[in-house]
N, C-alpha and C. Protein backbone atom coordinates (compact mmCIF):
# COMPACT_ATOMS: atom_id res chain seq x y z
N MET A 1 0.80 -1.18 0.00
CA MET A 1 0.00 0.00 0.00
C MET A 1 0.86 1.27 0.00
N THR A 2 1.97 1.21 0.67
CA THR A 2 2.83 2.37 0.69
C THR A 2 3.40 2.66 -0.68
N SER A 3 3.63 1.63 -1.47
CA SER A 3 4.13 1.88 -2.81
C SER A 3 3.07 2.56 -3.66
N GLN A 4 1.81 2.18 -3.39
CA GLN A 4 0.72 2.85 -4.12
C GLN A 4 0.62 4.30 -3.67
N SER A 5 0.79 4.56 -2.38
CA SER A 5 0.73 5.92 -1.85
C SER A 5 1.87 6.75 -2.43
N GLN A 6 3.03 6.14 -2.48
CA GLN A 6 4.16 6.86 -3.06
C GLN A 6 3.93 7.13 -4.54
N GLY A 7 3.36 6.19 -5.26
CA GLY A 7 3.06 6.36 -6.67
C GLY A 7 2.05 7.47 -6.88
N ILE A 8 1.04 7.49 -6.01
CA ILE A 8 0.01 8.55 -6.10
C ILE A 8 0.64 9.90 -5.78
N GLN A 9 1.50 9.92 -4.75
CA GLN A 9 2.17 11.17 -4.37
C GLN A 9 3.03 11.68 -5.53
N GLN A 10 3.74 10.76 -6.16
CA GLN A 10 4.59 11.15 -7.29
C GLN A 10 3.74 11.69 -8.44
N LEU A 11 2.61 11.04 -8.69
CA LEU A 11 1.70 11.52 -9.75
C LEU A 11 1.16 12.91 -9.41
N LEU A 12 0.79 13.10 -8.15
CA LEU A 12 0.26 14.41 -7.73
C LEU A 12 1.35 15.49 -7.87
N GLN A 13 2.57 15.12 -7.45
CA GLN A 13 3.67 16.09 -7.56
C GLN A 13 3.96 16.39 -9.04
N ALA A 14 3.95 15.38 -9.87
CA ALA A 14 4.20 15.57 -11.30
C ALA A 14 3.09 16.43 -11.91
N GLU A 15 1.86 16.18 -11.49
CA GLU A 15 0.72 16.97 -11.97
C GLU A 15 0.86 18.41 -11.54
N LYS A 16 1.31 18.62 -10.29
CA LYS A 16 1.48 19.98 -9.78
C LYS A 16 2.61 20.69 -10.56
N ARG A 17 3.72 19.99 -10.83
CA ARG A 17 4.82 20.58 -11.60
C ARG A 17 4.35 20.94 -13.02
N ALA A 18 3.58 20.04 -13.61
CA ALA A 18 3.05 20.30 -14.95
C ALA A 18 2.14 21.51 -14.94
N LYS A 19 1.30 21.58 -13.88
CA LYS A 19 0.38 22.72 -13.77
C LYS A 19 1.17 24.02 -13.59
N ASP A 20 2.22 24.00 -12.77
CA ASP A 20 3.05 25.18 -12.55
C ASP A 20 3.75 25.60 -13.85
N LYS A 21 4.28 24.60 -14.58
CA LYS A 21 4.93 24.91 -15.85
C LYS A 21 3.94 25.49 -16.85
N LEU A 22 2.73 24.96 -16.85
CA LEU A 22 1.69 25.46 -17.75
C LEU A 22 1.34 26.91 -17.41
N GLU A 23 1.20 27.22 -16.12
CA GLU A 23 0.89 28.60 -15.69
C GLU A 23 2.04 29.54 -16.05
N GLU A 24 3.26 29.05 -15.83
CA GLU A 24 4.43 29.86 -16.18
C GLU A 24 4.48 30.12 -17.68
N ALA A 25 4.17 29.10 -18.48
CA ALA A 25 4.16 29.25 -19.94
C ALA A 25 3.07 30.24 -20.35
N LYS A 26 1.91 30.19 -19.70
CA LYS A 26 0.83 31.14 -20.00
C LYS A 26 1.26 32.56 -19.68
N LYS A 27 1.95 32.73 -18.54
CA LYS A 27 2.42 34.07 -18.16
C LYS A 27 3.43 34.59 -19.18
N ARG A 28 4.37 33.70 -19.59
CA ARG A 28 5.35 34.12 -20.60
C ARG A 28 4.68 34.47 -21.92
N LYS A 29 3.68 33.67 -22.28
CA LYS A 29 2.95 33.93 -23.53
C LYS A 29 2.24 35.28 -23.45
N GLY A 30 1.57 35.54 -22.32
CA GLY A 30 0.88 36.83 -22.15
C GLY A 30 1.85 37.99 -22.19
N LYS A 31 3.01 37.79 -21.52
CA LYS A 31 4.03 38.84 -21.50
C LYS A 31 4.56 39.08 -22.92
N ARG A 32 4.81 37.98 -23.65
CA ARG A 32 5.32 38.11 -25.03
C ARG A 32 4.30 38.76 -25.95
N LEU A 33 3.01 38.41 -25.78
CA LEU A 33 1.96 39.03 -26.59
C LEU A 33 1.89 40.53 -26.32
N LYS A 34 2.01 40.89 -25.05
CA LYS A 34 1.98 42.31 -24.69
C LYS A 34 3.18 43.04 -25.29
N GLN A 35 4.36 42.42 -25.22
CA GLN A 35 5.57 43.00 -25.79
C GLN A 35 5.44 43.14 -27.31
N ALA A 36 4.90 42.09 -27.96
CA ALA A 36 4.72 42.13 -29.41
C ALA A 36 3.75 43.24 -29.80
N LYS A 37 2.70 43.41 -29.01
CA LYS A 37 1.72 44.46 -29.29
C LYS A 37 2.38 45.84 -29.17
N GLU A 38 3.19 46.03 -28.13
CA GLU A 38 3.88 47.31 -27.95
C GLU A 38 4.86 47.58 -29.10
N GLU A 39 5.58 46.53 -29.52
CA GLU A 39 6.50 46.68 -30.64
C GLU A 39 5.75 47.02 -31.92
N ALA A 40 4.61 46.38 -32.13
CA ALA A 40 3.81 46.67 -33.33
C ALA A 40 3.30 48.10 -33.32
N ILE A 41 2.85 48.56 -32.16
CA ILE A 41 2.35 49.94 -32.05
C ILE A 41 3.49 50.93 -32.32
N ALA A 42 4.68 50.63 -31.77
CA ALA A 42 5.83 51.52 -32.01
C ALA A 42 6.19 51.54 -33.49
N GLU A 43 6.16 50.38 -34.13
CA GLU A 43 6.49 50.30 -35.55
C GLU A 43 5.45 51.04 -36.39
N ILE A 44 4.19 50.90 -36.03
CA ILE A 44 3.11 51.61 -36.74
C ILE A 44 3.28 53.12 -36.59
N ASP A 45 3.58 53.57 -35.36
CA ASP A 45 3.78 55.00 -35.14
C ASP A 45 4.96 55.53 -35.96
N HIS A 46 6.05 54.75 -35.99
CA HIS A 46 7.22 55.16 -36.78
C HIS A 46 6.85 55.25 -38.26
N TYR A 47 6.15 54.26 -38.77
CA TYR A 47 5.74 54.26 -40.17
C TYR A 47 4.82 55.44 -40.47
N ARG A 48 3.87 55.70 -39.56
CA ARG A 48 2.94 56.81 -39.74
C ARG A 48 3.69 58.14 -39.79
N LEU A 49 4.63 58.33 -38.87
CA LEU A 49 5.40 59.58 -38.86
C LEU A 49 6.21 59.73 -40.16
N GLN A 50 6.79 58.63 -40.62
CA GLN A 50 7.56 58.67 -41.86
C GLN A 50 6.67 59.05 -43.04
N ARG A 51 5.50 58.44 -43.15
CA ARG A 51 4.58 58.74 -44.26
C ARG A 51 4.06 60.18 -44.16
N GLU A 52 3.78 60.66 -42.95
CA GLU A 52 3.32 62.04 -42.78
C GLU A 52 4.41 63.02 -43.20
N LYS A 53 5.65 62.70 -42.87
CA LYS A 53 6.76 63.56 -43.27
C LYS A 53 6.89 63.60 -44.79
N GLU A 54 6.78 62.43 -45.44
CA GLU A 54 6.82 62.39 -46.90
C GLU A 54 5.67 63.19 -47.50
N PHE A 55 4.47 63.06 -46.90
CA PHE A 55 3.31 63.80 -47.40
C PHE A 55 3.53 65.31 -47.27
N ARG A 56 4.06 65.74 -46.11
CA ARG A 56 4.30 67.17 -45.91
C ARG A 56 5.33 67.69 -46.91
N ASN A 57 6.36 66.87 -47.21
CA ASN A 57 7.36 67.29 -48.20
C ASN A 57 6.73 67.44 -49.58
N LYS A 58 5.91 66.46 -49.98
CA LYS A 58 5.24 66.55 -51.28
C LYS A 58 4.27 67.73 -51.31
N GLN A 59 3.56 67.92 -50.21
CA GLN A 59 2.61 69.03 -50.13
C GLN A 59 3.34 70.37 -50.23
N THR A 60 4.49 70.46 -49.57
CA THR A 60 5.28 71.69 -49.63
C THR A 60 5.77 71.94 -51.05
N ASN A 61 6.20 70.87 -51.72
CA ASN A 61 6.67 71.02 -53.10
C ASN A 61 5.55 71.51 -54.00
N VAL A 62 4.36 70.93 -53.86
CA VAL A 62 3.24 71.31 -54.72
C VAL A 62 2.69 72.67 -54.31
N MET A 63 2.42 72.83 -53.02
CA MET A 63 1.83 74.08 -52.55
C MET A 63 2.85 75.21 -52.55
N GLY A 64 4.13 74.85 -52.44
CA GLY A 64 5.17 75.88 -52.45
C GLY A 64 5.16 76.65 -53.75
N SER A 65 4.98 75.94 -54.87
CA SER A 65 4.94 76.63 -56.15
C SER A 65 3.71 77.52 -56.24
N GLN A 66 2.60 77.05 -55.67
CA GLN A 66 1.39 77.87 -55.66
C GLN A 66 1.58 79.07 -54.73
N GLY A 67 2.29 78.85 -53.64
CA GLY A 67 2.58 79.95 -52.72
C GLY A 67 3.42 81.01 -53.38
N ASN A 68 4.41 80.60 -54.18
CA ASN A 68 5.24 81.55 -54.91
C ASN A 68 4.40 82.29 -55.93
N LEU A 69 3.49 81.58 -56.58
CA LEU A 69 2.61 82.21 -57.56
C LEU A 69 1.73 83.25 -56.87
N SER A 70 1.20 82.91 -55.71
CA SER A 70 0.37 83.86 -54.96
C SER A 70 1.18 85.09 -54.58
N ALA A 71 2.40 84.89 -54.18
CA ALA A 71 3.25 86.01 -53.79
C ALA A 71 3.53 86.91 -55.00
N LYS A 72 3.77 86.30 -56.15
CA LYS A 72 4.02 87.09 -57.37
C LYS A 72 2.77 87.90 -57.75
N ILE A 73 1.62 87.27 -57.69
CA ILE A 73 0.37 87.96 -58.02
C ILE A 73 0.14 89.11 -57.05
N GLU A 74 0.37 88.86 -55.77
CA GLU A 74 0.21 89.92 -54.76
C GLU A 74 1.16 91.07 -55.04
N GLU A 75 2.39 90.76 -55.39
CA GLU A 75 3.38 91.79 -55.70
C GLU A 75 2.97 92.60 -56.92
N GLN A 76 2.47 91.92 -57.96
CA GLN A 76 2.02 92.63 -59.17
C GLN A 76 0.82 93.52 -58.86
N THR A 77 -0.09 93.03 -58.02
CA THR A 77 -1.26 93.82 -57.65
C THR A 77 -0.85 95.09 -56.91
N VAL A 78 0.06 94.95 -55.97
CA VAL A 78 0.54 96.11 -55.21
C VAL A 78 1.21 97.11 -56.16
N GLU A 79 2.00 96.60 -57.08
CA GLU A 79 2.69 97.49 -58.04
C GLU A 79 1.67 98.22 -58.93
N THR A 80 0.65 97.52 -59.40
CA THR A 80 -0.39 98.14 -60.24
C THR A 80 -1.13 99.22 -59.46
N ILE A 81 -1.48 98.92 -58.22
CA ILE A 81 -2.18 99.91 -57.38
C ILE A 81 -1.29 101.13 -57.17
N ARG A 82 -0.02 100.91 -56.93
CA ARG A 82 0.92 102.02 -56.74
C ARG A 82 0.99 102.89 -58.00
N ASN A 83 1.07 102.25 -59.18
CA ASN A 83 1.13 102.99 -60.44
C ASN A 83 -0.15 103.79 -60.68
N LEU A 84 -1.31 103.15 -60.41
CA LEU A 84 -2.58 103.86 -60.61
C LEU A 84 -2.71 105.04 -59.66
N THR A 85 -2.29 104.86 -58.42
CA THR A 85 -2.36 105.96 -57.44
C THR A 85 -1.44 107.10 -57.87
N SER A 86 -0.27 106.76 -58.33
CA SER A 86 0.68 107.78 -58.78
C SER A 86 0.10 108.54 -59.98
N SER A 87 -0.45 107.81 -60.94
CA SER A 87 -1.05 108.44 -62.12
C SER A 87 -2.22 109.34 -61.72
N TYR A 88 -3.03 108.88 -60.77
CA TYR A 88 -4.17 109.67 -60.30
C TYR A 88 -3.70 111.00 -59.72
N HIS A 89 -2.70 110.94 -58.83
CA HIS A 89 -2.22 112.17 -58.20
C HIS A 89 -1.56 113.11 -59.21
N LYS A 90 -0.91 112.52 -60.21
CA LYS A 90 -0.22 113.33 -61.20
C LYS A 90 -1.21 114.04 -62.13
N ASN A 91 -2.29 113.35 -62.54
CA ASN A 91 -3.21 113.90 -63.54
C ASN A 91 -4.48 114.50 -62.94
N MET A 92 -4.68 114.41 -61.66
CA MET A 92 -5.92 114.89 -61.04
C MET A 92 -6.14 116.40 -61.26
N GLU A 93 -5.11 117.16 -61.03
CA GLU A 93 -5.24 118.63 -61.12
C GLU A 93 -5.62 119.07 -62.53
N SER A 94 -4.94 118.53 -63.54
CA SER A 94 -5.23 118.95 -64.92
C SER A 94 -6.63 118.50 -65.34
N MET A 95 -7.05 117.33 -64.93
CA MET A 95 -8.39 116.85 -65.28
C MET A 95 -9.47 117.69 -64.60
N MET A 96 -9.23 118.09 -63.37
CA MET A 96 -10.21 118.94 -62.67
C MET A 96 -10.35 120.29 -63.39
N LYS A 97 -9.24 120.84 -63.84
CA LYS A 97 -9.30 122.11 -64.58
C LYS A 97 -10.07 121.94 -65.87
N LYS A 98 -9.82 120.85 -66.61
CA LYS A 98 -10.54 120.61 -67.86
C LYS A 98 -12.04 120.46 -67.61
N LEU A 99 -12.41 119.70 -66.61
CA LEU A 99 -13.84 119.52 -66.29
C LEU A 99 -14.49 120.84 -65.90
N LEU A 100 -13.82 121.61 -65.04
CA LEU A 100 -14.39 122.89 -64.63
C LEU A 100 -14.51 123.85 -65.81
N ASN A 101 -13.54 123.84 -66.71
CA ASN A 101 -13.62 124.70 -67.90
C ASN A 101 -14.80 124.30 -68.77
N MET A 102 -15.02 123.00 -68.95
CA MET A 102 -16.14 122.55 -69.78
C MET A 102 -17.48 122.92 -69.14
N ILE A 103 -17.54 122.87 -67.83
CA ILE A 103 -18.80 123.16 -67.14
C ILE A 103 -19.04 124.67 -67.04
N CYS A 104 -18.00 125.41 -66.70
CA CYS A 104 -18.17 126.83 -66.43
C CYS A 104 -18.15 127.70 -67.70
N ASP A 105 -17.39 127.33 -68.70
CA ASP A 105 -17.31 128.13 -69.93
C ASP A 105 -18.35 127.61 -70.90
N ILE A 106 -19.51 128.28 -70.89
CA ILE A 106 -20.60 127.86 -71.74
C ILE A 106 -20.63 128.78 -72.97
N ASN A 107 -20.64 128.19 -74.15
CA ASN A 107 -20.77 128.92 -75.40
C ASN A 107 -22.13 128.55 -75.99
N PRO A 108 -23.11 129.44 -75.86
CA PRO A 108 -24.42 129.11 -76.39
C PRO A 108 -24.39 129.12 -77.92
N GLU A 109 -24.84 128.06 -78.53
CA GLU A 109 -24.96 127.98 -79.99
C GLU A 109 -26.16 127.11 -80.31
N VAL A 110 -26.64 127.26 -81.49
CA VAL A 110 -27.80 126.51 -81.94
C VAL A 110 -27.33 125.14 -82.39
N HIS A 111 -28.10 124.16 -82.02
CA HIS A 111 -27.75 122.80 -82.39
C HIS A 111 -27.89 122.63 -83.89
N PRO A 112 -27.01 121.87 -84.54
CA PRO A 112 -27.06 121.74 -86.00
C PRO A 112 -28.33 121.08 -86.50
N ASN A 113 -29.01 120.33 -85.75
CA ASN A 113 -30.22 119.66 -86.19
C ASN A 113 -31.47 120.54 -86.01
N PHE A 114 -31.29 121.70 -85.40
CA PHE A 114 -32.45 122.56 -85.19
C PHE A 114 -32.88 123.17 -86.50
N LYS A 115 -34.21 123.02 -86.84
CA LYS A 115 -34.77 123.63 -88.07
C LYS A 115 -35.69 124.75 -87.62
N HIS A 116 -35.40 125.86 -88.17
CA HIS A 116 -36.20 127.02 -87.83
C HIS A 116 -37.44 127.03 -88.73
N THR A 117 -38.59 126.98 -88.18
CA THR A 117 -39.84 127.01 -88.94
C THR A 117 -40.48 128.38 -88.76
N ALA A 118 -40.71 129.02 -89.87
CA ALA A 118 -41.31 130.33 -89.78
C ALA A 118 -42.60 130.43 -90.54
């Protein structure tokens, strides 16, 4: 009977060791899964940052040329406004004199289409 008890004890101990090894393996697996998930997230973030940087570079190249075009148009507009303002100030006095002369100096004459009926 003692040999049976010892055999049962050995089986129980072996079962307990197997159970402990199984729990330890589960813990390692969980730890490894968590580590793999963290590594994947880090890799995804790195890839995302790289792609965003490439996108910003392409966007800058495309939009940069449009930005330069906008700056040139703005510069031309300012120059045109400056020229028109200068021309206005230069010619304003003479135009005012011409207009006042046309309004104030009236020469009464008969219109050429007027037919005198008598």
